[in-house]
Amino acid sequence: MKHKEQFICNSCNEHTRLDIHTSKMFGEFEHVYAKCEHCGYKSTVYYTNKRVRKLMSKQVTETNVARKEALKSKLQREIDMLKVKFEGV
């Protein structure tokens, strides 16, 4: 039996399988979330736009460790800015 990753739902506090979904929002924006199998709550993993998806693609293919780390930092900053934009957090 293959072990699946789990997370604790932000709404019902139950352990649930980490099953990632993506939904289009508007324009170039997408919402990436995990849906609780108990209560149906959508826990945000992150938001993306064209820039974030391009950085993710570059990071996957980058072989130089220093450049990969720089991309990781840049990517996290972009994701954090989108979270503030959509959640105000």
C-alpha atoms as a PDB file:
ATOM      1  CA  MET A   1       0.000   0.000   0.000  1.00  0.00           C
ATOM      2  CA  LYS A   2       1.415   3.383  -0.997  1.00  0.00           C
ATOM      3  CA  HIS A   3       1.550   5.994   1.779  1.00  0.00           C
ATOM      4  CA  LYS A   4      -0.160   9.285   0.890  1.00  0.00           C
ATOM      5  CA  GLU A   5       0.820  12.607   2.416  1.00  0.00           C
ATOM      6  CA  GLN A   6      -1.726  14.125   4.766  1.00  0.00           C
ATOM      7  CA  PHE A   7      -2.513  17.529   6.209  1.00  0.00           C
ATOM      8  CA  ILE A   8      -4.725  18.816   9.008  1.00  0.00           C
ATOM      9  CA  CYS A   9      -7.783  20.655   7.704  1.00  0.00           C
ATOM     10  CA  ASN A  10      -7.969  24.326   8.722  1.00  0.00           C
ATOM     11  CA  SER A  11     -11.737  24.027   9.154  1.00  0.00           C
ATOM     12  CA  CYS A  12     -12.564  20.679  10.836  1.00  0.00           C
ATOM     13  CA  ASN A  13      -9.053  19.837  12.179  1.00  0.00           C
ATOM     14  CA  GLU A  14      -9.249  16.296  10.779  1.00  0.00           C
ATOM     15  CA  HIS A  15      -6.311  14.543   9.092  1.00  0.00           C
ATOM     16  CA  THR A  16      -7.020  14.212   5.389  1.00  0.00           C
ATOM     17  CA  ARG A  17      -5.173  13.116   2.256  1.00  0.00           C
ATOM     18  CA  LEU A  18      -3.136  15.820   0.550  1.00  0.00           C
ATOM     19  CA  ASP A  19      -4.860  15.882  -2.811  1.00  0.00           C
ATOM     20  CA  ILE A  20      -3.824  19.014  -4.736  1.00  0.00           C
ATOM     21  CA  HIS A  21      -6.290  20.791  -7.055  1.00  0.00           C
ATOM     22  CA  THR A  22      -5.962  23.882  -9.248  1.00  0.00           C
ATOM     23  CA  SER A  23      -8.762  26.222 -10.211  1.00  0.00           C
ATOM     24  CA  LYS A  24      -8.735  29.192 -12.570  1.00  0.00           C
ATOM     25  CA  MET A  25      -9.594  32.444 -10.875  1.00  0.00           C
ATOM     26  CA  PHE A  26      -9.576  35.334 -13.341  1.00  0.00           C
ATOM     27  CA  GLY A  27      -7.084  36.471 -15.919  1.00  0.00           C
ATOM     28  CA  GLU A  28      -3.777  34.689 -15.435  1.00  0.00           C
ATOM     29  CA  PHE A  29      -4.367  33.755 -11.779  1.00  0.00           C
ATOM     30  CA  GLU A  30      -4.837  30.239 -10.421  1.00  0.00           C
ATOM     31  CA  HIS A  31      -5.666  28.970  -6.928  1.00  0.00           C
ATOM     32  CA  VAL A  32      -3.813  25.817  -5.855  1.00  0.00           C
ATOM     33  CA  TYR A  33      -5.496  24.130  -2.903  1.00  0.00           C
ATOM     34  CA  ALA A  34      -6.007  20.890  -1.006  1.00  0.00           C
ATOM     35  CA  LYS A  35      -9.615  19.830  -0.436  1.00  0.00           C
ATOM     36  CA  CYS A  36     -10.588  18.153   2.842  1.00  0.00           C
ATOM     37  CA  GLU A  37     -12.182  14.755   2.282  1.00  0.00           C
ATOM     38  CA  HIS A  38     -14.204  15.176   5.508  1.00  0.00           C
ATOM     39  CA  CYS A  39     -15.778  18.642   5.259  1.00  0.00           C
ATOM     40  CA  GLY A  40     -14.885  19.811   1.725  1.00  0.00           C
ATOM     41  CA  TYR A  41     -12.963  22.899   2.905  1.00  0.00           C
ATOM     42  CA  LYS A  42     -10.390  24.205   0.407  1.00  0.00           C
ATOM     43  CA  SER A  43      -7.066  24.904   2.158  1.00  0.00           C
ATOM     44  CA  THR A  44      -4.922  27.205   0.050  1.00  0.00           C
ATOM     45  CA  VAL A  45      -1.496  25.851  -0.846  1.00  0.00           C
ATOM     46  CA  TYR A  46      -0.543  28.884  -2.966  1.00  0.00           C
ATOM     47  CA  TYR A  47      -1.664  31.173  -5.788  1.00  0.00           C
ATOM     48  CA  THR A  48       0.031  31.417  -9.173  1.00  0.00           C
ATOM     49  CA  ASN A  49       0.230  33.742 -12.127  1.00  0.00           C
ATOM     50  CA  LYS A  50       2.242  33.526 -15.357  1.00  0.00           C
ATOM     51  CA  ARG A  51       5.388  34.820 -13.642  1.00  0.00           C
ATOM     52  CA  VAL A  52       5.209  32.236 -10.822  1.00  0.00           C
ATOM     53  CA  ARG A  53       4.573  29.372 -13.246  1.00  0.00           C
ATOM     54  CA  LYS A  54       7.552  30.487 -15.372  1.00  0.00           C
ATOM     55  CA  LEU A  55       9.814  30.636 -12.288  1.00  0.00           C
ATOM     56  CA  MET A  56       8.619  27.165 -11.217  1.00  0.00           C
ATOM     57  CA  SER A  57       9.469  25.793 -14.639  1.00  0.00           C
ATOM     58  CA  LYS A  58      12.933  27.374 -14.542  1.00  0.00           C
ATOM     59  CA  GLN A  59      13.580  26.039 -11.049  1.00  0.00           C
ATOM     60  CA  VAL A  60      12.729  22.476 -12.077  1.00  0.00           C
ATOM     61  CA  THR A  61      15.160  22.517 -14.991  1.00  0.00           C
ATOM     62  CA  GLU A  62      17.986  24.481 -13.309  1.00  0.00           C
ATOM     63  CA  THR A  63      21.017  22.316 -12.494  1.00  0.00           C
ATOM     64  CA  ASN A  64      23.286  24.916 -10.838  1.00  0.00           C
ATOM     65  CA  VAL A  65      22.642  24.741  -7.075  1.00  0.00           C
ATOM     66  CA  ALA A  66      23.273  28.453  -6.414  1.00  0.00           C
ATOM     67  CA  ARG A  67      20.961  29.557  -9.235  1.00  0.00           C
ATOM     68  CA  LYS A  68      18.342  27.022  -8.128  1.00  0.00           C
ATOM     69  CA  GLU A  69      18.404  28.477  -4.601  1.00  0.00           C
ATOM     70  CA  ALA A  70      18.148  32.033  -5.982  1.00  0.00           C
ATOM     71  CA  LEU A  71      15.122  30.979  -8.027  1.00  0.00           C
ATOM     72  CA  LYS A  72      13.594  29.363  -4.953  1.00  0.00           C
ATOM     73  CA  SER A  73      13.920  32.627  -2.992  1.00  0.00           C
ATOM     74  CA  LYS A  74      12.507  34.690  -5.841  1.00  0.00           C
ATOM     75  CA  LEU A  75       9.644  32.237  -6.280  1.00  0.00           C
ATOM     76  CA  GLN A  76       8.763  32.360  -2.569  1.00  0.00           C
ATOM     77  CA  ARG A  77       8.677  36.181  -2.637  1.00  0.00           C
ATOM     78  CA  GLU A  78       6.331  36.134  -5.652  1.00  0.00           C
ATOM     79  CA  ILE A  79       4.042  33.548  -4.024  1.00  0.00           C
ATOM     80  CA  ASP A  80       3.981  35.554  -0.776  1.00  0.00           C
ATOM     81  CA  MET A  81       3.000  38.717  -2.687  1.00  0.00           C
ATOM     82  CA  LEU A  82       0.104  36.872  -4.338  1.00  0.00           C
ATOM     83  CA  LYS A  83      -1.054  35.545  -0.974  1.00  0.00           C
ATOM     84  CA  VAL A  84      -1.143  39.097   0.379  1.00  0.00           C
ATOM     85  CA  LYS A  85      -3.016  40.245  -2.732  1.00  0.00           C
ATOM     86  CA  PHE A  86      -5.731  37.584  -2.438  1.00  0.00           C
ATOM     87  CA  GLU A  87      -5.923  36.976   1.314  1.00  0.00           C
ATOM     88  CA  GLY A  88      -4.532  40.165   2.814  1.00  0.00           C
ATOM     89  CA  VAL A  89      -2.196  38.050   4.950  1.00  0.00           C
END
